[in-house]
Protein backbone atom coordinates (compact mmCIF):
# COMPACT_ATOMS: atom_id res chain seq x y z
CA UNK A 1 108.43 162.99 194.10
CA UNK A 2 107.40 166.63 194.03
CA UNK A 3 107.31 166.87 197.81
CA UNK A 4 110.79 165.33 198.08
CA UNK A 5 112.16 167.79 195.51
CA UNK A 6 110.64 170.73 197.36
CA UNK A 7 112.08 169.59 200.69
CA UNK A 8 115.50 169.01 199.13
CA UNK A 9 115.47 172.52 197.64
CA UNK A 10 114.41 174.02 200.97
CA UNK A 11 117.10 172.19 202.91
CA UNK A 12 119.85 172.98 200.40
CA UNK A 13 118.94 176.67 200.21
CA UNK A 14 121.87 178.80 201.39
CA UNK A 15 121.36 180.11 204.90
CA UNK A 16 122.40 183.63 203.90
CA UNK A 17 119.73 183.73 201.21
CA UNK A 18 117.05 182.51 203.63
CA UNK A 19 118.05 184.98 206.33
CA UNK A 20 118.12 187.78 203.78
CA UNK A 21 114.38 187.30 203.27
CA UNK A 22 113.69 186.80 206.98
CA UNK A 23 113.18 183.03 206.96
CA UNK A 24 114.96 180.41 208.99
CA UNK A 25 115.26 176.75 207.99
CA UNK A 26 112.29 175.65 210.12
CA UNK A 27 110.02 178.32 208.65
CA UNK A 28 111.03 177.45 205.09
CA UNK A 29 110.52 173.73 205.69
CA UNK A 30 107.11 174.36 207.24
CA UNK A 31 106.08 176.61 204.34
CA UNK A 32 107.20 173.97 201.84
CA UNK A 33 105.28 171.26 203.71
CA UNK A 34 102.13 173.40 203.76
CA UNK A 35 102.45 174.25 200.06
CA UNK A 36 103.04 170.61 199.14
CA UNK A 37 99.98 169.64 201.17
CA UNK A 38 97.86 172.29 199.41
CA UNK A 39 99.15 171.08 196.03
CA UNK A 40 98.11 167.52 196.84
CA UNK A 41 94.68 168.80 197.86
CA UNK A 42 94.31 170.40 194.42
CA UNK A 43 94.47 166.95 192.84
CA UNK A 44 91.53 165.89 194.98
CA UNK A 45 89.56 168.97 193.91
CA UNK A 46 89.80 167.88 190.27
CA UNK A 47 88.79 164.34 191.21
CA UNK A 48 85.93 165.67 193.36
CA UNK A 49 84.58 167.85 190.54
CA UNK A 50 84.74 164.99 188.05
CA UNK A 51 82.99 162.68 190.50
CA UNK A 52 80.20 165.13 191.27
CA UNK A 53 79.71 165.96 187.60
CA UNK A 54 79.18 162.28 186.85
CA UNK A 55 76.91 161.91 189.89
CA UNK A 56 74.68 164.79 188.85
CA UNK A 57 74.41 163.50 185.30
CA UNK A 58 73.58 159.91 186.30
CA UNK A 59 71.51 160.67 189.40
CA UNK A 60 68.09 161.00 187.74
CA UNK A 61 68.47 157.66 185.95
CA UNK A 62 69.69 155.91 189.12
CA UNK A 63 66.86 157.40 191.16
CA UNK A 64 64.31 156.22 188.59
CA UNK A 65 65.62 152.65 188.59
CA UNK A 66 65.88 152.47 192.38
CA UNK A 67 62.34 153.88 192.68
CA UNK A 68 61.08 151.19 190.33
CA UNK A 69 62.70 148.55 192.58
CA UNK A 70 61.95 149.77 196.13
CA UNK A 71 59.34 152.50 195.74
CA UNK A 72 59.27 155.48 198.09
CA UNK A 73 62.28 154.22 200.05
CA UNK A 74 64.42 155.54 197.19
CA UNK A 75 63.46 159.09 198.17
CA UNK A 76 64.31 158.41 201.82
CA UNK A 77 67.73 157.14 200.75
CA UNK A 78 68.25 160.18 198.54
CA UNK A 79 67.31 162.54 201.35
CA UNK A 80 69.81 160.80 203.67
CA UNK A 81 72.57 161.26 201.09
CA UNK A 82 71.75 164.97 200.80
CA UNK A 83 71.60 165.31 204.59
CA UNK A 84 74.97 163.60 204.94
CA UNK A 85 76.51 165.94 202.38
CA UNK A 86 75.20 168.99 204.21
CA UNK A 87 76.42 167.61 207.54
CA UNK A 88 79.87 167.01 206.06
CA UNK A 89 80.06 170.62 204.83
CA UNK A 90 78.99 171.92 208.25
CA UNK A 91 81.62 169.86 210.07
CA UNK A 92 84.31 171.05 207.63
CA UNK A 93 83.42 174.70 208.29
CA UNK A 94 83.74 174.07 212.04
CA UNK A 95 87.09 172.24 211.73
CA UNK A 96 88.80 174.68 209.35
CA UNK A 97 89.61 177.32 212.05
CA UNK A 98 91.08 174.58 214.23
CA UNK A 99 93.30 173.46 211.35
CA UNK A 100 94.46 177.08 210.87
CA UNK A 101 95.39 177.35 214.55
CA UNK A 102 97.29 174.05 214.34
CA UNK A 103 99.30 175.40 211.39
CA UNK A 104 100.14 178.57 213.36
CA UNK A 105 101.23 176.45 216.32
CA UNK A 106 103.48 174.42 214.03
CA UNK A 107 105.07 177.64 212.78
CA UNK A 108 105.77 178.81 216.34
CA UNK A 109 107.12 175.39 217.33
CA UNK A 110 109.45 175.22 214.33
CA UNK A 111 110.76 178.74 215.08
CA UNK A 112 111.36 177.76 218.70
CA UNK A 113 113.16 174.56 217.71
CA UNK A 114 115.27 176.44 215.18
CA UNK A 115 116.31 178.91 217.88
CA UNK A 116 117.11 176.04 220.21
CA UNK A 117 119.24 174.27 217.61
CA UNK A 118 121.12 177.51 216.82
CA UNK A 119 121.77 178.04 220.52
CA UNK A 120 123.06 174.48 220.94
CA UNK A 121 125.32 174.90 217.91
CA UNK A 122 126.75 178.15 219.25
CA UNK A 123 127.39 176.59 222.67
CA UNK A 124 129.07 173.54 221.13
CA UNK A 125 131.31 175.71 218.94
CA UNK A 126 132.58 177.77 221.91
C-alpha cells in the first residue's frame, strides 16, 4: 500500500514543480521505486536482527544437544554453517557494485525514455 501511495504521489506531482527542482517524471518514478525498495529492505533488517539474536541465544543449547546425539559431527555442521554465512557475505560484497551500476543504468534509461516520450508528444501536437 505504501509503494502504491508513493507512485501515485509521484505521478500526480505537477510537472512544473518537478521541473523546478530538475526532475522529470521518469527520474521521480525511479527515485520513488528505489526508496520504496530500500524501505522494504529495512523491514528485513529488523527481522534479520531478531532472528540472529534468537540464534545466538539458543545456539549453545542446540549445539550441546546435537553433540550429545551425533558427537563430533555437530562441530562439522556448525563449521559449515559459519562457512556458509561468510561465503554469503563475500558474495554480497561482490554483487553490490553490480547492483549500483544497474540502478545507474535504469536512471539513464528512464531519462532517455522520458526524452523520447516528450519528443513524440511534441511531434504529435504539431
